[in-house]
Amino acid sequence: MQNYMRLEIPAKSSNESLARSVVAAFAAQLDITIEDMSDIKTAVSEAVTNSIIHGYVGCKGVITIICRMQDGELEVVVEDQGCGIEDVEKARQPLYSTYKGDERSGMGFTVMETFMDSLEVYSELNEGTRVHMRKRVGDAVLSVPSAKV
């Protein structure tokens, strides 16, 4: 059975934890491990934070989060209509950041890719960015049967 949800929040730092919590509550409907839940929450935090910090640099905007689940797979899409990413492949490289402050490490996409099974990033300058992540969880995770002797 398929289920889905959609959340729109202002691009404010205070809403990052809300986004993470709502996605976690949605994902809890699946037979999910604590480790998988932590991975999903971390990836969502990174995607939302990227939209806030990089997508809407010094301006207001909205972040849309769409989640779908079907057959043990969770799909999470995080979208903004911000400034976009000039070079997505370059932005996906570890330690790359357009942020000039000291506290950003440039590891957001690397973290998302590490904790989710797949990551796709679509972006157009002055149009926004869509981060599409998937993770298989619970009993639906495919396992290799043991060989018969």
C-alpha atoms as a PDB file:
ATOM      1  CA  MET A   1       0.000   0.000   0.000  1.00  0.00           C
ATOM      2  CA  GLN A   2       1.260   3.447  -0.847  1.00  0.00           C
ATOM      3  CA  ASN A   3       1.089   6.375   1.557  1.00  0.00           C
ATOM      4  CA  TYR A   4       2.329   9.938   1.174  1.00  0.00           C
ATOM      5  CA  MET A   5       2.499  13.322   2.869  1.00  0.00           C
ATOM      6  CA  ARG A   6       3.403  16.891   1.949  1.00  0.00           C
ATOM      7  CA  LEU A   7       4.722  19.607   4.262  1.00  0.00           C
ATOM      8  CA  GLU A   8       5.431  23.256   3.461  1.00  0.00           C
ATOM      9  CA  ILE A   9       7.441  25.303   5.926  1.00  0.00           C
ATOM     10  CA  PRO A  10       9.077  28.721   5.894  1.00  0.00           C
ATOM     11  CA  ALA A  11      12.833  28.482   5.242  1.00  0.00           C
ATOM     12  CA  LYS A  12      13.803  29.278   8.824  1.00  0.00           C
ATOM     13  CA  SER A  13      16.448  27.499  10.888  1.00  0.00           C
ATOM     14  CA  SER A  14      13.899  26.891  13.642  1.00  0.00           C
ATOM     15  CA  ASN A  15      11.888  24.690  11.229  1.00  0.00           C
ATOM     16  CA  GLU A  16      14.719  22.260  10.472  1.00  0.00           C
ATOM     17  CA  SER A  17      13.931  20.158  13.549  1.00  0.00           C
ATOM     18  CA  LEU A  18      10.208  20.247  12.702  1.00  0.00           C
ATOM     19  CA  ALA A  19      10.910  18.870   9.220  1.00  0.00           C
ATOM     20  CA  ARG A  20      13.124  16.124  10.643  1.00  0.00           C
ATOM     21  CA  SER A  21      10.490  15.160  13.236  1.00  0.00           C
ATOM     22  CA  VAL A  22       7.580  15.100  10.769  1.00  0.00           C
ATOM     23  CA  VAL A  23       9.490  12.892   8.314  1.00  0.00           C
ATOM     24  CA  ALA A  24      10.529  10.595  11.200  1.00  0.00           C
ATOM     25  CA  ALA A  25       6.907  10.276  12.350  1.00  0.00           C
ATOM     26  CA  PHE A  26       5.856   9.427   8.798  1.00  0.00           C
ATOM     27  CA  ALA A  27       8.686   6.887   8.384  1.00  0.00           C
ATOM     28  CA  ALA A  28       7.758   5.226  11.687  1.00  0.00           C
ATOM     29  CA  GLN A  29       4.814   3.607   9.886  1.00  0.00           C
ATOM     30  CA  LEU A  30       7.336   1.254   8.294  1.00  0.00           C
ATOM     31  CA  ASP A  31       9.093  -1.547  10.149  1.00  0.00           C
ATOM     32  CA  ILE A  32      12.136   0.658  10.691  1.00  0.00           C
ATOM     33  CA  THR A  33      15.262   0.235  12.796  1.00  0.00           C
ATOM     34  CA  ILE A  34      16.614   2.955  15.062  1.00  0.00           C
ATOM     35  CA  GLU A  35      19.676   3.156  12.810  1.00  0.00           C
ATOM     36  CA  ASP A  36      17.573   3.666   9.660  1.00  0.00           C
ATOM     37  CA  MET A  37      15.472   6.280  11.449  1.00  0.00           C
ATOM     38  CA  SER A  38      18.607   8.144  12.491  1.00  0.00           C
ATOM     39  CA  ASP A  39      19.969   7.985   8.927  1.00  0.00           C
ATOM     40  CA  ILE A  40      16.730   9.396   7.484  1.00  0.00           C
ATOM     41  CA  LYS A  41      16.542  12.193  10.055  1.00  0.00           C
ATOM     42  CA  THR A  42      20.157  13.176   9.386  1.00  0.00           C
ATOM     43  CA  ALA A  43      19.664  13.241   5.605  1.00  0.00           C
ATOM     44  CA  VAL A  44      16.485  15.337   5.921  1.00  0.00           C
ATOM     45  CA  SER A  45      18.269  17.753   8.261  1.00  0.00           C
ATOM     46  CA  GLU A  46      21.061  18.222   5.729  1.00  0.00           C
ATOM     47  CA  ALA A  47      18.676  18.771   2.812  1.00  0.00           C
ATOM     48  CA  VAL A  48      16.529  21.286   4.699  1.00  0.00           C
ATOM     49  CA  THR A  49      19.564  23.107   6.074  1.00  0.00           C
ATOM     50  CA  ASN A  50      21.010  23.384   2.550  1.00  0.00           C
ATOM     51  CA  SER A  51      17.755  24.979   1.357  1.00  0.00           C
ATOM     52  CA  ILE A  52      17.779  27.453   4.241  1.00  0.00           C
ATOM     53  CA  ILE A  53      21.473  28.381   4.080  1.00  0.00           C
ATOM     54  CA  HIS A  54      22.207  28.153   0.362  1.00  0.00           C
ATOM     55  CA  GLY A  55      18.856  28.232  -1.429  1.00  0.00           C
ATOM     56  CA  TYR A  56      17.468  31.313   0.245  1.00  0.00           C
ATOM     57  CA  VAL A  57      20.601  33.320   0.942  1.00  0.00           C
ATOM     58  CA  GLY A  58      19.429  36.243   3.058  1.00  0.00           C
ATOM     59  CA  CYS A  59      15.816  36.084   1.853  1.00  0.00           C
ATOM     60  CA  LYS A  60      12.522  34.439   2.762  1.00  0.00           C
ATOM     61  CA  GLY A  61      11.155  31.370   1.051  1.00  0.00           C
ATOM     62  CA  VAL A  62       9.292  28.103   1.418  1.00  0.00           C
ATOM     63  CA  ILE A  63      10.630  24.565   1.615  1.00  0.00           C
ATOM     64  CA  THR A  64       8.381  21.730   0.471  1.00  0.00           C
ATOM     65  CA  ILE A  65       8.933  18.199   1.756  1.00  0.00           C
ATOM     66  CA  ILE A  66       7.143  15.311   0.099  1.00  0.00           C
ATOM     67  CA  CYS A  67       7.378  11.762   1.444  1.00  0.00           C
ATOM     68  CA  ARG A  68       6.055   8.593  -0.128  1.00  0.00           C
ATOM     69  CA  MET A  69       6.275   5.014   1.027  1.00  0.00           C
ATOM     70  CA  GLN A  70       5.545   1.855  -0.820  1.00  0.00           C
ATOM     71  CA  ASP A  71       6.719  -1.721  -0.457  1.00  0.00           C
ATOM     72  CA  GLY A  72       9.256  -0.898   2.249  1.00  0.00           C
ATOM     73  CA  GLU A  73      10.839   2.033   0.446  1.00  0.00           C
ATOM     74  CA  LEU A  74      10.735   5.584   1.744  1.00  0.00           C
ATOM     75  CA  GLU A  75      11.092   8.388  -0.775  1.00  0.00           C
ATOM     76  CA  VAL A  76      11.824  11.920   0.474  1.00  0.00           C
ATOM     77  CA  VAL A  77      11.871  15.008  -1.742  1.00  0.00           C
ATOM     78  CA  VAL A  78      13.032  18.375  -0.400  1.00  0.00           C
ATOM     79  CA  GLU A  79      12.389  21.345  -2.716  1.00  0.00           C
ATOM     80  CA  ASP A  80      12.992  25.055  -2.645  1.00  0.00           C
ATOM     81  CA  GLN A  81      12.472  27.856  -5.140  1.00  0.00           C
ATOM     82  CA  GLY A  82      15.686  29.595  -4.178  1.00  0.00           C
ATOM     83  CA  CYS A  83      18.741  30.667  -6.120  1.00  0.00           C
ATOM     84  CA  GLY A  84      19.622  27.190  -7.411  1.00  0.00           C
ATOM     85  CA  ILE A  85      23.018  25.537  -7.760  1.00  0.00           C
ATOM     86  CA  GLU A  86      25.325  26.621 -10.553  1.00  0.00           C
ATOM     87  CA  ASP A  87      27.216  23.319 -10.804  1.00  0.00           C
ATOM     88  CA  VAL A  88      25.497  20.367  -9.100  1.00  0.00           C
ATOM     89  CA  GLU A  89      28.366  17.923  -9.694  1.00  0.00           C
ATOM     90  CA  LYS A  90      30.843  20.339  -8.126  1.00  0.00           C
ATOM     91  CA  ALA A  91      28.477  20.998  -5.201  1.00  0.00           C
ATOM     92  CA  ARG A  92      28.246  17.241  -4.545  1.00  0.00           C
ATOM     93  CA  GLN A  93      32.007  16.987  -4.012  1.00  0.00           C
ATOM     94  CA  PRO A  94      33.060  16.566  -0.355  1.00  0.00           C
ATOM     95  CA  LEU A  95      34.180  19.788   1.359  1.00  0.00           C
ATOM     96  CA  TYR A  96      32.816  22.035  -1.405  1.00  0.00           C
ATOM     97  CA  SER A  97      30.780  24.954  -0.083  1.00  0.00           C
ATOM     98  CA  THR A  98      29.704  28.345  -1.359  1.00  0.00           C
ATOM     99  CA  TYR A  99      29.197  29.465   2.233  1.00  0.00           C
ATOM    100  CA  LYS A 100      31.988  31.718   3.407  1.00  0.00           C
ATOM    101  CA  GLY A 101      31.443  31.211   7.157  1.00  0.00           C
ATOM    102  CA  ASP A 102      33.667  29.007   9.294  1.00  0.00           C
ATOM    103  CA  GLU A 103      30.989  26.655  10.636  1.00  0.00           C
ATOM    104  CA  ARG A 104      29.944  24.999   7.357  1.00  0.00           C
ATOM    105  CA  SER A 105      31.919  21.958   6.216  1.00  0.00           C
ATOM    106  CA  GLY A 106      30.578  21.372   2.697  1.00  0.00           C
ATOM    107  CA  MET A 107      29.549  17.798   3.514  1.00  0.00           C
ATOM    108  CA  GLY A 108      25.750  18.057   3.145  1.00  0.00           C
ATOM    109  CA  PHE A 109      25.346  16.089  -0.086  1.00  0.00           C
ATOM    110  CA  THR A 110      27.999  13.581   1.007  1.00  0.00           C
ATOM    111  CA  VAL A 111      26.094  12.964   4.253  1.00  0.00           C
ATOM    112  CA  MET A 112      22.787  12.548   2.388  1.00  0.00           C
ATOM    113  CA  GLU A 113      24.389  10.126  -0.069  1.00  0.00           C
ATOM    114  CA  THR A 114      25.983   8.131   2.759  1.00  0.00           C
ATOM    115  CA  PHE A 115      22.792   7.702   4.786  1.00  0.00           C
ATOM    116  CA  MET A 116      20.287   7.101   1.981  1.00  0.00           C
ATOM    117  CA  ASP A 117      20.252   4.407  -0.717  1.00  0.00           C
ATOM    118  CA  SER A 118      19.982   6.905  -3.542  1.00  0.00           C
ATOM    119  CA  LEU A 119      20.337  10.664  -3.980  1.00  0.00           C
ATOM    120  CA  GLU A 120      19.435  12.739  -7.011  1.00  0.00           C
ATOM    121  CA  VAL A 121      19.838  16.510  -7.152  1.00  0.00           C
ATOM    122  CA  TYR A 122      18.083  18.707  -9.707  1.00  0.00           C
ATOM    123  CA  SER A 123      18.697  22.440  -9.796  1.00  0.00           C
ATOM    124  CA  GLU A 124      18.300  25.461 -12.041  1.00  0.00           C
ATOM    125  CA  LEU A 125      19.744  28.889 -11.343  1.00  0.00           C
ATOM    126  CA  ASN A 126      17.115  31.297  -9.999  1.00  0.00           C
ATOM    127  CA  GLU A 127      14.508  28.507 -10.097  1.00  0.00           C
ATOM    128  CA  GLY A 128      15.409  26.329  -7.124  1.00  0.00           C
ATOM    129  CA  THR A 129      16.644  22.906  -6.139  1.00  0.00           C
ATOM    130  CA  ARG A 130      15.017  19.503  -5.637  1.00  0.00           C
ATOM    131  CA  VAL A 131      16.769  16.799  -3.630  1.00  0.00           C
ATOM    132  CA  HIS A 132      15.286  13.336  -4.158  1.00  0.00           C
ATOM    133  CA  MET A 133      16.328  10.604  -1.698  1.00  0.00           C
ATOM    134  CA  ARG A 134      15.275   6.969  -1.279  1.00  0.00           C
ATOM    135  CA  LYS A 135      15.852   4.385   1.418  1.00  0.00           C
ATOM    136  CA  ARG A 136      14.667   0.779   1.718  1.00  0.00           C
ATOM    137  CA  VAL A 137      13.755  -0.115   5.283  1.00  0.00           C
ATOM    138  CA  GLY A 138      12.222  -2.877   7.354  1.00  0.00           C
ATOM    139  CA  ASP A 139      11.348  -6.369   6.179  1.00  0.00           C
ATOM    140  CA  ALA A 140      11.309  -5.286   2.537  1.00  0.00           C
ATOM    141  CA  VAL A 141      15.083  -4.892   2.507  1.00  0.00           C
ATOM    142  CA  LEU A 142      16.350  -7.492   0.094  1.00  0.00           C
ATOM    143  CA  SER A 143      18.623 -10.144   1.513  1.00  0.00           C
ATOM    144  CA  VAL A 144      20.669 -12.795  -0.218  1.00  0.00           C
ATOM    145  CA  PRO A 145      19.417 -16.274   0.673  1.00  0.00           C
ATOM    146  CA  SER A 146      21.971 -18.665   2.065  1.00  0.00           C
ATOM    147  CA  ALA A 147      23.267 -21.286  -0.325  1.00  0.00           C
ATOM    148  CA  LYS A 148      22.047 -24.867   0.077  1.00  0.00           C
ATOM    149  CA  VAL A 149      24.736 -27.435   0.487  1.00  0.00           C
END
